[in-house]
């Protein structure tokens, strides 16, 4: 009977340890998901800024071309 009680206690302890590991893993997953969301937002903002800079370069190129045409 003692053997059965001991096995039950070990199983209970193992389950508790596994639950703790699971909770820790879930926390890491949530943190990773938040980081992914942040990185995606930064990527989108960077893409938008690059588009703005390209538009500005195109505008400046057009102005420069017009000024050269007007001078020549």
PDB file of N, CA and C in Angstrom:
ATOM      1  N   UNK A   1       0.826  -1.205   0.000  1.00  0.00           N
ATOM      2  CA  UNK A   1       0.000   0.000   0.000  1.00  0.00           C
ATOM      3  C   UNK A   1       0.861   1.255   0.000  1.00  0.00           C
ATOM      4  N   UNK A   2       1.986   1.197   0.703  1.00  0.00           N
ATOM      5  CA  UNK A   2       2.879   2.352   0.745  1.00  0.00           C
ATOM      6  C   UNK A   2       3.397   2.670  -0.655  1.00  0.00           C
ATOM      7  N   UNK A   3       3.693   1.652  -1.416  1.00  0.00           N
ATOM      8  CA  UNK A   3       4.179   1.836  -2.782  1.00  0.00           C
ATOM      9  C   UNK A   3       3.168   2.605  -3.624  1.00  0.00           C
ATOM     10  N   UNK A   4       1.912   2.286  -3.493  1.00  0.00           N
ATOM     11  CA  UNK A   4       0.858   2.969  -4.233  1.00  0.00           C
ATOM     12  C   UNK A   4       0.771   4.430  -3.814  1.00  0.00           C
ATOM     13  N   UNK A   5       0.864   4.694  -2.530  1.00  0.00           N
ATOM     14  CA  UNK A   5       0.818   6.061  -2.013  1.00  0.00           C
ATOM     15  C   UNK A   5       2.027   6.842  -2.529  1.00  0.00           C
ATOM     16  N   UNK A   6       3.199   6.204  -2.520  1.00  0.00           N
ATOM     17  CA  UNK A   6       4.412   6.857  -3.011  1.00  0.00           C
ATOM     18  C   UNK A   6       4.305   7.183  -4.500  1.00  0.00           C
ATOM     19  N   UNK A   7       3.805   6.248  -5.278  1.00  0.00           N
ATOM     20  CA  UNK A   7       3.650   6.486  -6.719  1.00  0.00           C
ATOM     21  C   UNK A   7       2.651   7.602  -6.982  1.00  0.00           C
ATOM     22  N   UNK A   8       1.593   7.611  -6.190  1.00  0.00           N
ATOM     23  CA  UNK A   8       0.594   8.675  -6.339  1.00  0.00           C
ATOM     24  C   UNK A   8       1.218  10.027  -6.025  1.00  0.00           C
ATOM     25  N   UNK A   9       2.004  10.100  -4.979  1.00  0.00           N
ATOM     26  CA  UNK A   9       2.648  11.356  -4.602  1.00  0.00           C
ATOM     27  C   UNK A   9       3.630  11.810  -5.681  1.00  0.00           C
ATOM     28  N   UNK A  10       4.406  10.886  -6.208  1.00  0.00           N
ATOM     29  CA  UNK A  10       5.345  11.229  -7.281  1.00  0.00           C
ATOM     30  C   UNK A  10       4.605  11.728  -8.519  1.00  0.00           C
ATOM     31  N   UNK A  11       3.518  11.069  -8.840  1.00  0.00           N
ATOM     32  CA  UNK A  11       2.714  11.496  -9.994  1.00  0.00           C
ATOM     33  C   UNK A  11       2.132  12.886  -9.765  1.00  0.00           C
ATOM     34  N   UNK A  12       1.651  13.131  -8.560  1.00  0.00           N
ATOM     35  CA  UNK A  12       1.107  14.444  -8.214  1.00  0.00           C
ATOM     36  C   UNK A  12       2.185  15.512  -8.311  1.00  0.00           C
ATOM     37  N   UNK A  13       3.378  15.212  -7.805  1.00  0.00           N
ATOM     38  CA  UNK A  13       4.492  16.159  -7.882  1.00  0.00           C
ATOM     39  C   UNK A  13       4.882  16.423  -9.335  1.00  0.00           C
ATOM     40  N   UNK A  14       4.905  15.363 -10.134  1.00  0.00           N
ATOM     41  CA  UNK A  14       5.270  15.520 -11.538  1.00  0.00           C
ATOM     42  C   UNK A  14       4.246  16.368 -12.281  1.00  0.00           C
ATOM     43  N   UNK A  15       2.986  16.155 -11.986  1.00  0.00           N
ATOM     44  CA  UNK A  15       1.926  16.954 -12.613  1.00  0.00           C
ATOM     45  C   UNK A  15       2.075  18.420 -12.233  1.00  0.00           C
ATOM     46  N   UNK A  16       2.362  18.679 -10.969  1.00  0.00           N
ATOM     47  CA  UNK A  16       2.558  20.062 -10.530  1.00  0.00           C
ATOM     48  C   UNK A  16       3.741  20.694 -11.258  1.00  0.00           C
ATOM     49  N   UNK A  17       4.827  19.958 -11.409  1.00  0.00           N
ATOM     50  CA  UNK A  17       6.003  20.476 -12.109  1.00  0.00           C
ATOM     51  C   UNK A  17       5.677  20.745 -13.578  1.00  0.00           C
ATOM     52  N   UNK A  18       4.939  19.844 -14.193  1.00  0.00           N
ATOM     53  CA  UNK A  18       4.560  20.023 -15.596  1.00  0.00           C
ATOM     54  C   UNK A  18       3.644  21.228 -15.772  1.00  0.00           C
ATOM     55  N   UNK A  19       2.737  21.422 -14.836  1.00  0.00           N
ATOM     56  CA  UNK A  19       1.854  22.600 -14.904  1.00  0.00           C
ATOM     57  C   UNK A  19       2.663  23.888 -14.800  1.00  0.00           C
ATOM     58  N   UNK A  20       3.660  23.891 -13.925  1.00  0.00           N
ATOM     59  CA  UNK A  20       4.527  25.063 -13.787  1.00  0.00           C
ATOM     60  C   UNK A  20       5.276  25.322 -15.087  1.00  0.00           C
ATOM     61  N   UNK A  21       5.821  24.273 -15.679  1.00  0.00           N
ATOM     62  CA  UNK A  21       6.523  24.418 -16.952  1.00  0.00           C
ATOM     63  C   UNK A  21       5.591  24.942 -18.041  1.00  0.00           C
ATOM     64  N   UNK A  22       4.373  24.437 -18.048  1.00  0.00           N
ATOM     65  CA  UNK A  22       3.394  24.872 -19.042  1.00  0.00           C
ATOM     66  C   UNK A  22       3.081  26.356 -18.878  1.00  0.00           C
ATOM     67  N   UNK A  23       2.886  26.799 -17.650  1.00  0.00           N
ATOM     68  CA  UNK A  23       2.604  28.219 -17.404  1.00  0.00           C
ATOM     69  C   UNK A  23       3.771  29.088 -17.856  1.00  0.00           C
ATOM     70  N   UNK A  24       4.986  28.653 -17.567  1.00  0.00           N
ATOM     71  CA  UNK A  24       6.170  29.407 -17.986  1.00  0.00           C
ATOM     72  C   UNK A  24       6.257  29.476 -19.511  1.00  0.00           C
ATOM     73  N   UNK A  25       5.962  28.375 -20.157  1.00  0.00           N
ATOM     74  CA  UNK A  25       5.994  28.342 -21.623  1.00  0.00           C
ATOM     75  C   UNK A  25       4.929  29.271 -22.195  1.00  0.00           C
ATOM     76  N   UNK A  26       3.743  29.273 -21.612  1.00  0.00           N
ATOM     77  CA  UNK A  26       2.674  30.154 -22.083  1.00  0.00           C
ATOM     78  C   UNK A  26       3.071  31.619 -21.945  1.00  0.00           C
ATOM     79  N   UNK A  27       3.750  31.964 -20.850  1.00  0.00           N
ATOM     80  CA  UNK A  27       4.223  33.332 -20.657  1.00  0.00           C
ATOM     81  C   UNK A  27       5.217  33.690 -21.761  1.00  0.00           C
ATOM     82  N   UNK A  28       6.156  32.790 -22.039  1.00  0.00           N
ATOM     83  CA  UNK A  28       7.148  33.053 -23.096  1.00  0.00           C
ATOM     84  C   UNK A  28       6.471  33.198 -24.453  1.00  0.00           C
ATOM     85  N   UNK A  29       5.457  32.398 -24.706  1.00  0.00           N
ATOM     86  CA  UNK A  29       4.731  32.488 -25.974  1.00  0.00           C
ATOM     87  C   UNK A  29       4.042  33.840 -26.091  1.00  0.00           C
ATOM     88  N   UNK A  30       3.365  34.277 -25.027  1.00  0.00           N
ATOM     89  CA  UNK A  30       2.698  35.586 -25.057  1.00  0.00           C
ATOM     90  C   UNK A  30       3.701  36.708 -25.275  1.00  0.00           C
ATOM     91  N   UNK A  31       4.856  36.625 -24.610  1.00  0.00           N
ATOM     92  CA  UNK A  31       5.896  37.631 -24.792  1.00  0.00           C
ATOM     93  C   UNK A  31       6.394  37.636 -26.232  1.00  0.00           C
ATOM     94  N   UNK A  32       6.579  36.474 -26.799  1.00  0.00           N
ATOM     95  CA  UNK A  32       7.035  36.380 -28.187  1.00  0.00           C
ATOM     96  C   UNK A  32       5.993  36.950 -29.145  1.00  0.00           C
ATOM     97  N   UNK A  33       4.735  36.669 -28.879  1.00  0.00           N
ATOM     98  CA  UNK A  33       3.671  37.199 -29.738  1.00  0.00           C
ATOM     99  C   UNK A  33       3.620  38.720 -29.668  1.00  0.00           C
ATOM    100  N   UNK A  34       3.805  39.285 -28.467  1.00  0.00           N
ATOM    101  CA  UNK A  34       3.841  40.745 -28.337  1.00  0.00           C
ATOM    102  C   UNK A  34       5.034  41.323 -29.098  1.00  0.00           C
ATOM    103  N   UNK A  35       6.174  40.655 -28.996  1.00  0.00           N
ATOM    104  CA  UNK A  35       7.361  41.119 -29.705  1.00  0.00           C
ATOM    105  C   UNK A  35       7.144  41.067 -31.219  1.00  0.00           C
ATOM    106  N   UNK A  36       6.509  40.010 -31.694  1.00  0.00           N
ATOM    107  CA  UNK A  36       6.207  39.898 -33.124  1.00  0.00           C
ATOM    108  C   UNK A  36       5.293  41.029 -33.562  1.00  0.00           C
ATOM    109  N   UNK A  37       4.281  41.335 -32.773  1.00  0.00           N
ATOM    110  CA  UNK A  37       3.373  42.434 -33.101  1.00  0.00           C
ATOM    111  C   UNK A  37       4.130  43.754 -33.160  1.00  0.00           C
ATOM    112  N   UNK A  38       5.019  43.987 -32.186  1.00  0.00           N
ATOM    113  CA  UNK A  38       5.811  45.217 -32.173  1.00  0.00           C
ATOM    114  C   UNK A  38       6.714  45.301 -33.399  1.00  0.00           C
ATOM    115  N   UNK A  39       7.364  44.202 -33.723  1.00  0.00           N
ATOM    116  CA  UNK A  39       8.256  44.193 -34.887  1.00  0.00           C
ATOM    117  C   UNK A  39       7.479  44.399 -36.184  1.00  0.00           C
ATOM    118  N   UNK A  40       6.305  43.823 -36.278  1.00  0.00           N
ATOM    119  CA  UNK A  40       5.476  44.028 -37.471  1.00  0.00           C
ATOM    120  C   UNK A  40       5.050  45.483 -37.594  1.00  0.00           C
ATOM    121  N   UNK A  41       4.725  46.109 -36.467  1.00  0.00           N
ATOM    122  CA  UNK A  41       4.355  47.526 -36.486  1.00  0.00           C
ATOM    123  C   UNK A  41       5.545  48.378 -36.916  1.00  0.00           C
ATOM    124  N   UNK A  42       6.727  48.056 -36.400  1.00  0.00           N
ATOM    125  CA  UNK A  42       7.927  48.798 -36.795  1.00  0.00           C
ATOM    126  C   UNK A  42       8.219  48.611 -38.278  1.00  0.00           C
ATOM    127  N   UNK A  43       8.040  47.381 -38.772  1.00  0.00           N
ATOM    128  CA  UNK A  43       8.273  47.102 -40.192  1.00  0.00           C
ATOM    129  C   UNK A  43       7.320  47.917 -41.056  1.00  0.00           C
ATOM    130  N   UNK A  44       6.059  47.980 -40.644  1.00  0.00           N
ATOM    131  CA  UNK A  44       5.070  48.739 -41.404  1.00  0.00           C
ATOM    132  C   UNK A  44       5.415  50.231 -41.392  1.00  0.00           C
ATOM    133  N   UNK A  45       5.819  50.744 -40.233  1.00  0.00           N
ATOM    134  CA  UNK A  45       6.187  52.159 -40.134  1.00  0.00           C
ATOM    135  C   UNK A  45       7.424  52.461 -40.975  1.00  0.00           C
ATOM    136  N   UNK A  46       8.369  51.538 -40.972  1.00  0.00           N
ATOM    137  CA  UNK A  46       9.580  51.720 -41.771  1.00  0.00           C
ATOM    138  C   UNK A  46       9.244  51.717 -43.261  1.00  0.00           C
ATOM    139  N   UNK A  47       8.388  50.809 -43.665  1.00  0.00           N
ATOM    140  CA  UNK A  47       7.962  50.774 -45.067  1.00  0.00           C
ATOM    141  C   UNK A  47       7.269  52.058 -45.483  1.00  0.00           C
ATOM    142  N   UNK A  48       6.433  52.570 -44.611  1.00  0.00           N
ATOM    143  CA  UNK A  48       5.735  53.824 -44.901  1.00  0.00           C
ATOM    144  C   UNK A  48       6.735  54.969 -45.024  1.00  0.00           C
ATOM    145  N   UNK A  49       7.705  55.021 -44.115  1.00  0.00           N
ATOM    146  CA  UNK A  49       8.715  56.083 -44.160  1.00  0.00           C
ATOM    147  C   UNK A  49       9.557  55.969 -45.435  1.00  0.00           C
ATOM    148  N   UNK A  50       9.921  54.757 -45.816  1.00  0.00           N
ATOM    149  CA  UNK A  50      10.671  54.575 -47.064  1.00  0.00           C
ATOM    150  C   UNK A  50       9.867  55.060 -48.267  1.00  0.00           C
ATOM    151  N   UNK A  51       8.579  54.769 -48.293  1.00  0.00           N
ATOM    152  CA  UNK A  51       7.727  55.255 -49.381  1.00  0.00           C
ATOM    153  C   UNK A  51       7.713  56.773 -49.420  1.00  0.00           C
ATOM    154  N   UNK A  52       7.640  57.406 -48.246  1.00  0.00           N
ATOM    155  CA  UNK A  52       7.651  58.869 -48.182  1.00  0.00           C
ATOM    156  C   UNK A  52       8.976  59.427 -48.710  1.00  0.00           C
ATOM    157  N   UNK A  53      10.076  58.799 -48.330  1.00  0.00           N
ATOM    158  CA  UNK A  53      11.380  59.271 -48.784  1.00  0.00           C
ATOM    159  C   UNK A  53      11.542  59.094 -50.292  1.00  0.00           C
ATOM    160  N   UNK A  54      11.050  57.990 -50.825  1.00  0.00           N
ATOM    161  CA  UNK A  54      11.111  57.772 -52.273  1.00  0.00           C
ATOM    162  C   UNK A  54      10.286  58.823 -53.004  1.00  0.00           C
ATOM    163  N   UNK A  55       9.096  59.125 -52.475  1.00  0.00           N
ATOM    164  CA  UNK A  55       8.261  60.164 -53.084  1.00  0.00           C
ATOM    165  C   UNK A  55       8.980  61.507 -53.058  1.00  0.00           C
ATOM    166  N   UNK A  56       9.637  61.807 -51.944  1.00  0.00           N
ATOM    167  CA  UNK A  56      10.365  63.072 -51.847  1.00  0.00           C
ATOM    168  C   UNK A  56      11.528  63.109 -52.841  1.00  0.00           C
ATOM    169  N   UNK A  57      12.253  62.011 -52.977  1.00  0.00           N
ATOM    170  CA  UNK A  57      13.335  61.954 -53.956  1.00  0.00           C
ATOM    171  C   UNK A  57      12.813  62.140 -55.381  1.00  0.00           C
ATOM    172  N   UNK A  58      11.699  61.500 -55.686  1.00  0.00           N
ATOM    173  CA  UNK A  58      11.099  61.658 -57.012  1.00  0.00           C
ATOM    174  C   UNK A  58      10.710  63.112 -57.260  1.00  0.00           C
ATOM    175  N   UNK A  59      10.141  63.746 -56.243  1.00  0.00           N
ATOM    176  CA  UNK A  59       9.742  65.151 -56.369  1.00  0.00           C
ATOM    177  C   UNK A  59      10.973  66.029 -56.589  1.00  0.00           C
ATOM    178  N   UNK A  60      12.029  65.786 -55.820  1.00  0.00           N
ATOM    179  CA  UNK A  60      13.253  66.577 -55.957  1.00  0.00           C
ATOM    180  C   UNK A  60      13.910  66.343 -57.322  1.00  0.00           C
ATOM    181  N   UNK A  61      13.891  65.099 -57.781  1.00  0.00           N
ATOM    182  CA  UNK A  61      14.417  64.807 -59.118  1.00  0.00           C
ATOM    183  C   UNK A  61      13.647  65.575 -60.189  1.00  0.00           C
ATOM    184  N   UNK A  62      12.330  65.613 -60.054  1.00  0.00           N
ATOM    185  CA  UNK A  62      11.497  66.330 -61.023  1.00  0.00           C
ATOM    186  C   UNK A  62      11.796  67.823 -60.981  1.00  0.00           C
ATOM    187  N   UNK A  63      11.937  68.372 -59.778  1.00  0.00           N
ATOM    188  CA  UNK A  63      12.272  69.798 -59.650  1.00  0.00           C
ATOM    189  C   UNK A  63      13.619  70.102 -60.288  1.00  0.00           C
ATOM    190  N   UNK A  64      14.586  69.230 -60.038  1.00  0.00           N
ATOM    191  CA  UNK A  64      15.920  69.411 -60.583  1.00  0.00           C
ATOM    192  C   UNK A  64      15.886  69.354 -62.118  1.00  0.00           C
ATOM    193  N   UNK A  65      15.124  68.415 -62.643  1.00  0.00           N
ATOM    194  CA  UNK A  65      15.015  68.291 -64.093  1.00  0.00           C
ATOM    195  C   UNK A  65      14.355  69.545 -64.687  1.00  0.00           C
ATOM    196  N   UNK A  66      13.333  70.061 -64.028  1.00  0.00           N
ATOM    197  CA  UNK A  66      12.668  71.277 -64.514  1.00  0.00           C
ATOM    198  C   UNK A  66      13.618  72.464 -64.468  1.00  0.00           C
ATOM    199  N   UNK A  67      14.414  72.545 -63.389  1.00  0.00           N
ATOM    200  CA  UNK A  67      15.327  73.688 -63.284  1.00  0.00           C
ATOM    201  C   UNK A  67      16.422  73.614 -64.350  1.00  0.00           C
ATOM    202  N   UNK A  68      16.874  72.410 -64.668  1.00  0.00           N
ATOM    203  CA  UNK A  68      17.886  72.245 -65.720  1.00  0.00           C
ATOM    204  C   UNK A  68      17.286  72.619 -67.073  1.00  0.00           C
ATOM    205  N   UNK A  69      16.020  72.191 -67.314  1.00  0.00           N
ATOM    206  CA  UNK A  69      15.358  72.523 -68.586  1.00  0.00           C
ATOM    207  C   UNK A  69      15.155  74.022 -68.717  1.00  0.00           C
ATOM    208  N   UNK A  70      14.837  74.681 -67.626  1.00  0.00           N
ATOM    209  CA  UNK A  70      14.603  76.117 -67.652  1.00  0.00           C
ATOM    210  C   UNK A  70      15.890  76.898 -67.807  1.00  0.00           C
ATOM    211  N   UNK A  71      16.996  76.360 -67.348  1.00  0.00           N
ATOM    212  CA  UNK A  71      18.283  77.054 -67.422  1.00  0.00           C
ATOM    213  C   UNK A  71      18.913  76.899 -68.812  1.00  0.00           C
ATOM    214  N   UNK A  72      18.636  75.803 -69.475  1.00  0.00           N
ATOM    215  CA  UNK A  72      19.345  75.475 -70.696  1.00  0.00           C
ATOM    216  C   UNK A  72      18.651  75.923 -71.879  1.00  0.00           C
TER     217      UNK A  72
END
